[in-house]
Amino acid sequence: MGIGIRLYIVEDDDSLKRFPLNRYERMLRGLPGEALPQYSGRRMRSICAAIELINRKPAEILRLDFSYLAFDSEGKLDRSEFETATMLGIDLLAQIKPIDPKRKVVDASHRFAEKRYKDQFLWSPTPEIESAIITAIFGI
């Protein structure tokens, strides 16, 4: 038993294209020669699936994350959008700041950061895409 991670890019026609995790990691590191020119200058929907594996076969979907991958003019991952999302994600950590009982003003900045993060960097799947995910993972 183990956990596997699978990445998919959602094409314009809502079909899924598997995106190998090792290639994604190489692109994140900015290694030369790692690009997807077909996505140059585009922002694509992506799915990250955490899957429980039994005997190396998918048994259960543990988590699905629906986000975007932005590509620069050369088809490389857009570092600026990645950094913006990361910084906004750090702002979400404000939720764990201790609350000063003497303050009369409520600090809701983390709530605004969460809304901004969801609006800018997350998306919701249609029932057809959910079905395509199950088919892609389990081959049903």
N, C-alpha and C. Protein backbone atom coordinates (compact mmCIF):
# COMPACT_ATOMS: atom_id res chain seq x y z
N MET A 1 0.84 -1.17 0.00
CA MET A 1 0.00 0.00 0.00
C MET A 1 0.89 1.23 0.00
N GLY A 2 0.49 2.26 -0.76
CA GLY A 2 1.24 3.51 -0.83
C GLY A 2 0.37 4.61 -1.39
N ILE A 3 1.00 5.75 -1.57
CA ILE A 3 0.29 6.90 -2.13
C ILE A 3 1.02 7.34 -3.39
N GLY A 4 0.26 7.57 -4.43
CA GLY A 4 0.81 8.07 -5.69
C GLY A 4 0.22 9.43 -6.01
N ILE A 5 0.98 10.22 -6.74
CA ILE A 5 0.52 11.54 -7.18
C ILE A 5 0.47 11.51 -8.70
N ARG A 6 -0.64 11.96 -9.24
CA ARG A 6 -0.78 12.08 -10.69
C ARG A 6 -1.21 13.49 -11.03
N LEU A 7 -0.59 14.02 -12.06
CA LEU A 7 -0.92 15.36 -12.55
C LEU A 7 -1.55 15.23 -13.93
N TYR A 8 -2.54 16.09 -14.17
CA TYR A 8 -3.21 16.14 -15.46
C TYR A 8 -3.36 17.60 -15.88
N ILE A 9 -3.26 17.83 -17.17
CA ILE A 9 -3.60 19.13 -17.74
C ILE A 9 -4.95 18.95 -18.41
N VAL A 10 -5.84 19.89 -18.17
CA VAL A 10 -7.17 19.83 -18.78
C VAL A 10 -7.12 20.64 -20.08
N GLU A 11 -7.33 19.96 -21.18
CA GLU A 11 -7.29 20.60 -22.49
C GLU A 11 -8.54 21.47 -22.69
N ASP A 12 -8.54 22.28 -23.74
CA ASP A 12 -9.67 23.16 -24.02
C ASP A 12 -10.99 22.41 -24.22
N ASP A 13 -10.91 21.17 -24.70
CA ASP A 13 -12.12 20.37 -24.92
C ASP A 13 -12.50 19.55 -23.67
N ASP A 14 -11.89 19.87 -22.53
CA ASP A 14 -12.10 19.21 -21.24
C ASP A 14 -11.53 17.80 -21.16
N SER A 15 -10.75 17.38 -22.14
CA SER A 15 -10.08 16.09 -22.03
C SER A 15 -8.85 16.25 -21.13
N LEU A 16 -8.41 15.14 -20.56
CA LEU A 16 -7.27 15.16 -19.66
C LEU A 16 -6.02 14.63 -20.34
N LYS A 17 -4.91 15.29 -20.08
CA LYS A 17 -3.62 14.83 -20.60
C LYS A 17 -2.72 14.63 -19.40
N ARG A 18 -2.19 13.43 -19.26
CA ARG A 18 -1.30 13.13 -18.14
C ARG A 18 -0.03 13.95 -18.25
N PHE A 19 0.41 14.49 -17.14
CA PHE A 19 1.61 15.31 -17.07
C PHE A 19 2.54 14.63 -16.06
N PRO A 20 3.58 13.95 -16.54
CA PRO A 20 4.44 13.20 -15.62
C PRO A 20 5.01 14.08 -14.51
N LEU A 21 4.94 13.57 -13.30
CA LEU A 21 5.39 14.32 -12.13
C LEU A 21 6.87 14.69 -12.22
N ASN A 22 7.70 13.78 -12.71
CA ASN A 22 9.13 14.09 -12.81
C ASN A 22 9.39 15.22 -13.81
N ARG A 23 8.61 15.28 -14.86
CA ARG A 23 8.77 16.38 -15.83
C ARG A 23 8.32 17.70 -15.22
N TYR A 24 7.22 17.67 -14.49
CA TYR A 24 6.73 18.86 -13.80
C TYR A 24 7.81 19.39 -12.84
N GLU A 25 8.41 18.49 -12.08
CA GLU A 25 9.46 18.90 -11.13
C GLU A 25 10.66 19.50 -11.87
N ARG A 26 11.04 18.93 -13.01
CA ARG A 26 12.15 19.50 -13.78
C ARG A 26 11.79 20.89 -14.30
N MET A 27 10.53 21.06 -14.72
CA MET A 27 10.09 22.37 -15.19
C MET A 27 10.06 23.38 -14.05
N LEU A 28 9.65 22.94 -12.86
CA LEU A 28 9.64 23.83 -11.71
C LEU A 28 11.05 24.32 -11.38
N ARG A 29 12.03 23.44 -11.54
CA ARG A 29 13.42 23.82 -11.29
C ARG A 29 14.01 24.66 -12.42
N GLY A 30 13.27 24.79 -13.51
CA GLY A 30 13.73 25.61 -14.62
C GLY A 30 14.86 25.00 -15.42
N LEU A 31 14.90 23.68 -15.48
CA LEU A 31 15.98 23.02 -16.22
C LEU A 31 15.86 23.32 -17.71
N PRO A 32 17.00 23.54 -18.36
CA PRO A 32 16.96 23.85 -19.80
C PRO A 32 16.36 22.69 -20.60
N GLY A 33 15.67 23.05 -21.65
CA GLY A 33 15.07 22.05 -22.53
C GLY A 33 13.73 21.53 -22.04
N GLU A 34 13.31 21.93 -20.86
CA GLU A 34 12.02 21.48 -20.33
C GLU A 34 10.96 22.53 -20.62
N ALA A 35 10.17 22.28 -21.62
CA ALA A 35 9.10 23.21 -22.00
C ALA A 35 8.00 22.43 -22.71
N LEU A 36 6.83 23.02 -22.71
CA LEU A 36 5.68 22.48 -23.45
C LEU A 36 5.22 23.57 -24.40
N PRO A 37 5.85 23.66 -25.58
CA PRO A 37 5.56 24.75 -26.50
C PRO A 37 4.09 24.85 -26.93
N GLN A 38 3.35 23.75 -26.88
CA GLN A 38 1.93 23.79 -27.26
C GLN A 38 1.11 24.65 -26.30
N TYR A 39 1.67 24.94 -25.12
CA TYR A 39 0.96 25.75 -24.14
C TYR A 39 1.58 27.14 -23.98
N SER A 40 2.43 27.52 -24.90
CA SER A 40 3.12 28.82 -24.81
C SER A 40 2.14 29.97 -24.61
N GLY A 41 2.43 30.79 -23.60
CA GLY A 41 1.62 31.97 -23.33
C GLY A 41 0.22 31.68 -22.82
N ARG A 42 -0.03 30.47 -22.36
CA ARG A 42 -1.38 30.10 -21.94
C ARG A 42 -1.42 29.75 -20.45
N ARG A 43 -2.60 29.81 -19.92
CA ARG A 43 -2.86 29.40 -18.53
C ARG A 43 -3.82 28.23 -18.61
N MET A 44 -3.35 27.07 -18.21
CA MET A 44 -4.12 25.84 -18.35
C MET A 44 -4.63 25.35 -17.01
N ARG A 45 -5.81 24.75 -17.03
CA ARG A 45 -6.33 24.12 -15.82
C ARG A 45 -5.52 22.84 -15.56
N SER A 46 -5.29 22.55 -14.30
CA SER A 46 -4.57 21.33 -13.96
C SER A 46 -5.23 20.63 -12.79
N ILE A 47 -4.96 19.35 -12.69
CA ILE A 47 -5.50 18.54 -11.60
C ILE A 47 -4.34 17.78 -10.98
N CYS A 48 -4.25 17.82 -9.68
CA CYS A 48 -3.29 17.03 -8.93
C CYS A 48 -4.10 16.04 -8.11
N ALA A 49 -3.86 14.76 -8.33
CA ALA A 49 -4.62 13.71 -7.65
C ALA A 49 -3.69 12.91 -6.75
N ALA A 50 -4.06 12.79 -5.48
CA ALA A 50 -3.37 11.90 -4.55
C ALA A 50 -4.18 10.62 -4.50
N ILE A 51 -3.52 9.50 -4.77
CA ILE A 51 -4.22 8.23 -4.94
C ILE A 51 -3.62 7.17 -4.03
N GLU A 52 -4.47 6.45 -3.35
CA GLU A 52 -3.99 5.30 -2.58
C GLU A 52 -3.77 4.15 -3.56
N LEU A 53 -2.59 3.53 -3.47
CA LEU A 53 -2.23 2.43 -4.35
C LEU A 53 -2.14 1.14 -3.54
N ILE A 54 -2.70 0.09 -4.09
CA ILE A 54 -2.55 -1.25 -3.52
C ILE A 54 -1.97 -2.12 -4.62
N ASN A 55 -0.81 -2.70 -4.35
CA ASN A 55 -0.08 -3.46 -5.37
C ASN A 55 0.12 -2.64 -6.64
N ARG A 56 0.45 -1.37 -6.44
CA ARG A 56 0.75 -0.42 -7.52
C ARG A 56 -0.47 -0.10 -8.40
N LYS A 57 -1.66 -0.47 -7.95
CA LYS A 57 -2.88 -0.17 -8.71
C LYS A 57 -3.73 0.81 -7.89
N PRO A 58 -4.36 1.79 -8.57
CA PRO A 58 -5.19 2.76 -7.85
C PRO A 58 -6.35 2.07 -7.13
N ALA A 59 -6.50 2.41 -5.83
CA ALA A 59 -7.58 1.84 -5.05
C ALA A 59 -8.58 2.90 -4.62
N GLU A 60 -8.08 4.12 -4.36
CA GLU A 60 -8.95 5.18 -3.86
C GLU A 60 -8.33 6.54 -4.16
N ILE A 61 -9.18 7.50 -4.49
CA ILE A 61 -8.73 8.88 -4.65
C ILE A 61 -8.78 9.52 -3.27
N LEU A 62 -7.64 9.98 -2.80
CA LEU A 62 -7.56 10.58 -1.47
C LEU A 62 -7.82 12.08 -1.50
N ARG A 63 -7.36 12.73 -2.57
CA ARG A 63 -7.50 14.18 -2.65
C ARG A 63 -7.36 14.62 -4.11
N LEU A 64 -8.14 15.63 -4.47
CA LEU A 64 -8.03 16.24 -5.79
C LEU A 64 -7.87 17.74 -5.60
N ASP A 65 -6.87 18.31 -6.25
CA ASP A 65 -6.66 19.76 -6.23
C ASP A 65 -6.80 20.27 -7.66
N PHE A 66 -7.57 21.33 -7.82
CA PHE A 66 -7.85 21.91 -9.12
C PHE A 66 -7.23 23.31 -9.16
N SER A 67 -6.15 23.45 -9.91
CA SER A 67 -5.46 24.74 -9.97
C SER A 67 -5.09 25.05 -11.42
N TYR A 68 -4.27 26.06 -11.59
CA TYR A 68 -3.85 26.48 -12.93
C TYR A 68 -2.34 26.36 -13.07
N LEU A 69 -1.90 26.10 -14.29
CA LEU A 69 -0.49 26.16 -14.64
C LEU A 69 -0.35 27.23 -15.72
N ALA A 70 0.47 28.21 -15.43
CA ALA A 70 0.71 29.28 -16.41
C ALA A 70 2.03 29.01 -17.11
N PHE A 71 2.04 29.21 -18.42
CA PHE A 71 3.23 28.98 -19.23
C PHE A 71 3.66 30.29 -19.87
N ASP A 72 4.97 30.49 -19.94
CA ASP A 72 5.49 31.71 -20.57
C ASP A 72 5.50 31.56 -22.08
N SER A 73 6.07 32.52 -22.77
CA SER A 73 6.07 32.53 -24.23
C SER A 73 6.87 31.38 -24.85
N GLU A 74 7.72 30.74 -24.06
CA GLU A 74 8.51 29.60 -24.55
C GLU A 74 7.91 28.25 -24.16
N GLY A 75 6.81 28.28 -23.41
CA GLY A 75 6.19 27.03 -22.97
C GLY A 75 6.78 26.52 -21.66
N LYS A 76 7.55 27.35 -20.97
CA LYS A 76 8.07 26.98 -19.66
C LYS A 76 7.09 27.47 -18.60
N LEU A 77 7.14 26.84 -17.42
CA LEU A 77 6.26 27.29 -16.35
C LEU A 77 6.57 28.74 -16.00
N ASP A 78 5.53 29.53 -15.87
CA ASP A 78 5.67 30.96 -15.57
C ASP A 78 6.02 31.11 -14.09
N ARG A 79 7.27 31.45 -13.83
CA ARG A 79 7.75 31.56 -12.45
C ARG A 79 7.04 32.67 -11.69
N SER A 80 6.69 33.77 -12.36
CA SER A 80 6.08 34.89 -11.65
C SER A 80 4.71 34.49 -11.09
N GLU A 81 3.90 33.76 -11.86
CA GLU A 81 2.60 33.34 -11.34
C GLU A 81 2.78 32.33 -10.22
N PHE A 82 3.74 31.44 -10.37
CA PHE A 82 4.01 30.46 -9.32
C PHE A 82 4.40 31.16 -8.02
N GLU A 83 5.25 32.18 -8.13
CA GLU A 83 5.69 32.93 -6.94
C GLU A 83 4.54 33.73 -6.34
N THR A 84 3.69 34.31 -7.18
CA THR A 84 2.53 35.05 -6.68
C THR A 84 1.62 34.13 -5.89
N ALA A 85 1.35 32.94 -6.43
CA ALA A 85 0.49 31.97 -5.74
C ALA A 85 1.13 31.54 -4.42
N THR A 86 2.44 31.35 -4.43
CA THR A 86 3.15 30.95 -3.22
C THR A 86 3.06 32.04 -2.15
N MET A 87 3.27 33.28 -2.54
CA MET A 87 3.21 34.39 -1.58
C MET A 87 1.80 34.54 -1.02
N LEU A 88 0.81 34.39 -1.86
CA LEU A 88 -0.56 34.47 -1.39
C LEU A 88 -0.87 33.30 -0.45
N GLY A 89 -0.31 32.14 -0.76
CA GLY A 89 -0.46 30.99 0.13
C GLY A 89 0.16 31.24 1.49
N ILE A 90 1.28 31.94 1.51
CA ILE A 90 1.92 32.29 2.78
C ILE A 90 1.03 33.24 3.57
N ASP A 91 0.36 34.16 2.88
CA ASP A 91 -0.58 35.06 3.55
C ASP A 91 -1.70 34.28 4.26
N LEU A 92 -2.03 33.11 3.73
CA LEU A 92 -3.07 32.30 4.36
C LEU A 92 -2.62 31.79 5.73
N LEU A 93 -1.32 31.73 5.94
CA LEU A 93 -0.81 31.28 7.22
C LEU A 93 -1.12 32.25 8.34
N ALA A 94 -1.58 33.44 8.00
CA ALA A 94 -1.95 34.43 9.02
C ALA A 94 -3.00 33.86 9.96
N GLN A 95 -3.70 32.85 9.53
CA GLN A 95 -4.74 32.23 10.36
C GLN A 95 -4.16 31.68 11.66
N ILE A 96 -2.88 31.37 11.66
CA ILE A 96 -2.30 30.76 12.86
C ILE A 96 -1.64 31.78 13.77
N LYS A 97 -1.73 33.09 13.43
CA LYS A 97 -1.19 34.12 14.31
C LYS A 97 -1.98 34.15 15.61
N PRO A 98 -1.29 34.38 16.74
CA PRO A 98 -2.04 34.49 17.99
C PRO A 98 -2.93 35.74 17.99
N ILE A 99 -4.07 35.62 18.60
CA ILE A 99 -5.02 36.73 18.67
C ILE A 99 -4.76 37.52 19.95
N ASP A 100 -4.60 38.82 19.78
CA ASP A 100 -4.38 39.71 20.91
C ASP A 100 -5.74 40.13 21.46
N PRO A 101 -6.10 39.68 22.67
CA PRO A 101 -7.43 39.99 23.20
C PRO A 101 -7.64 41.48 23.47
N LYS A 102 -6.58 42.26 23.54
CA LYS A 102 -6.69 43.69 23.80
C LYS A 102 -7.07 44.49 22.55
N ARG A 103 -6.88 43.88 21.39
CA ARG A 103 -7.20 44.59 20.14
C ARG A 103 -8.69 44.66 19.93
N LYS A 104 -9.13 45.82 19.53
CA LYS A 104 -10.55 46.02 19.26
C LYS A 104 -10.89 45.72 17.79
N VAL A 105 -9.88 45.71 16.94
CA VAL A 105 -10.07 45.49 15.52
C VAL A 105 -9.77 44.02 15.19
N VAL A 106 -10.65 43.41 14.44
CA VAL A 106 -10.45 42.03 14.04
C VAL A 106 -9.61 42.00 12.77
N ASP A 107 -8.56 41.22 12.78
CA ASP A 107 -7.71 41.09 11.60
C ASP A 107 -8.28 40.00 10.69
N ALA A 108 -8.87 40.41 9.60
CA ALA A 108 -9.48 39.46 8.66
C ALA A 108 -8.67 39.32 7.38
N SER A 109 -7.42 39.76 7.41
CA SER A 109 -6.60 39.74 6.19
C SER A 109 -6.46 38.33 5.63
N HIS A 110 -6.38 37.33 6.50
CA HIS A 110 -6.26 35.96 6.01
C HIS A 110 -7.52 35.51 5.25
N ARG A 111 -8.69 36.04 5.65
CA ARG A 111 -9.92 35.69 4.93
C ARG A 111 -9.92 36.29 3.52
N PHE A 112 -9.42 37.52 3.42
CA PHE A 112 -9.32 38.14 2.10
C PHE A 112 -8.28 37.43 1.24
N ALA A 113 -7.18 37.02 1.86
CA ALA A 113 -6.14 36.29 1.13
C ALA A 113 -6.69 34.96 0.63
N GLU A 114 -7.47 34.29 1.46
CA GLU A 114 -8.06 33.00 1.06
C GLU A 114 -9.01 33.18 -0.12
N LYS A 115 -9.85 34.21 -0.07
CA LYS A 115 -10.78 34.47 -1.17
C LYS A 115 -10.01 34.81 -2.44
N ARG A 116 -8.98 35.65 -2.33
CA ARG A 116 -8.16 36.01 -3.48
C ARG A 116 -7.48 34.78 -4.07
N TYR A 117 -6.96 33.91 -3.19
CA TYR A 117 -6.29 32.70 -3.65
C TYR A 117 -7.27 31.80 -4.41
N LYS A 118 -8.44 31.59 -3.84
CA LYS A 118 -9.45 30.74 -4.49
C LYS A 118 -9.89 31.33 -5.82
N ASP A 119 -10.10 32.65 -5.86
CA ASP A 119 -10.57 33.30 -7.08
C ASP A 119 -9.52 33.28 -8.19
N GLN A 120 -8.25 33.43 -7.84
CA GLN A 120 -7.20 33.57 -8.85
C GLN A 120 -6.53 32.26 -9.24
N PHE A 121 -6.48 31.29 -8.31
CA PHE A 121 -5.64 30.13 -8.57
C PHE A 121 -6.33 28.77 -8.49
N LEU A 122 -7.62 28.76 -8.20
CA LEU A 122 -8.34 27.49 -8.13
C LEU A 122 -9.56 27.52 -9.05
N TRP A 123 -10.02 26.35 -9.46
CA TRP A 123 -11.20 26.24 -10.29
C TRP A 123 -11.99 25.02 -9.84
N SER A 124 -13.24 24.93 -10.27
CA SER A 124 -14.11 23.80 -9.91
C SER A 124 -14.42 22.98 -11.15
N PRO A 125 -14.36 21.66 -11.01
CA PRO A 125 -14.61 20.79 -12.17
C PRO A 125 -16.09 20.63 -12.48
N THR A 126 -16.38 20.38 -13.72
CA THR A 126 -17.73 20.03 -14.14
C THR A 126 -17.94 18.54 -13.86
N PRO A 127 -19.19 18.07 -13.86
CA PRO A 127 -19.41 16.62 -13.69
C PRO A 127 -18.70 15.79 -14.77
N GLU A 128 -18.60 16.34 -15.98
CA GLU A 128 -17.91 15.61 -17.06
C GLU A 128 -16.42 15.46 -16.76
N ILE A 129 -15.82 16.50 -16.21
CA ILE A 129 -14.40 16.42 -15.87
C ILE A 129 -14.20 15.46 -14.70
N GLU A 130 -15.10 15.48 -13.73
CA GLU A 130 -15.02 14.53 -12.62
C GLU A 130 -15.08 13.08 -13.13
N SER A 131 -15.95 12.85 -14.09
CA SER A 131 -16.06 11.53 -14.70
C SER A 131 -14.78 11.15 -15.45
N ALA A 132 -14.21 12.14 -16.16
CA ALA A 132 -12.95 11.90 -16.89
C ALA A 132 -11.81 11.59 -15.94
N ILE A 133 -11.81 12.18 -14.77
CA ILE A 133 -10.77 11.91 -13.76
C ILE A 133 -10.85 10.46 -13.32
N ILE A 134 -12.07 10.02 -13.02
CA ILE A 134 -12.27 8.62 -12.58
C ILE A 134 -11.83 7.66 -13.67
N THR A 135 -12.18 7.97 -14.90
CA THR A 135 -11.78 7.12 -16.03
C THR A 135 -10.26 7.11 -16.18
N ALA A 136 -9.63 8.29 -16.08
CA ALA A 136 -8.18 8.38 -16.23
C ALA A 136 -7.44 7.61 -15.14
N ILE A 137 -7.96 7.67 -13.93
CA ILE A 137 -7.27 7.03 -12.81
C ILE A 137 -7.55 5.53 -12.75
N PHE A 138 -8.81 5.15 -12.86
CA PHE A 138 -9.19 3.76 -12.68
C PHE A 138 -9.40 2.99 -13.99
N GLY A 139 -9.45 3.71 -15.12
CA GLY A 139 -9.65 3.07 -16.41
C GLY A 139 -11.04 2.49 -16.57
N ILE A 140 -12.00 3.06 -15.87
CA ILE A 140 -13.38 2.57 -15.94
C ILE A 140 -14.12 3.26 -17.06
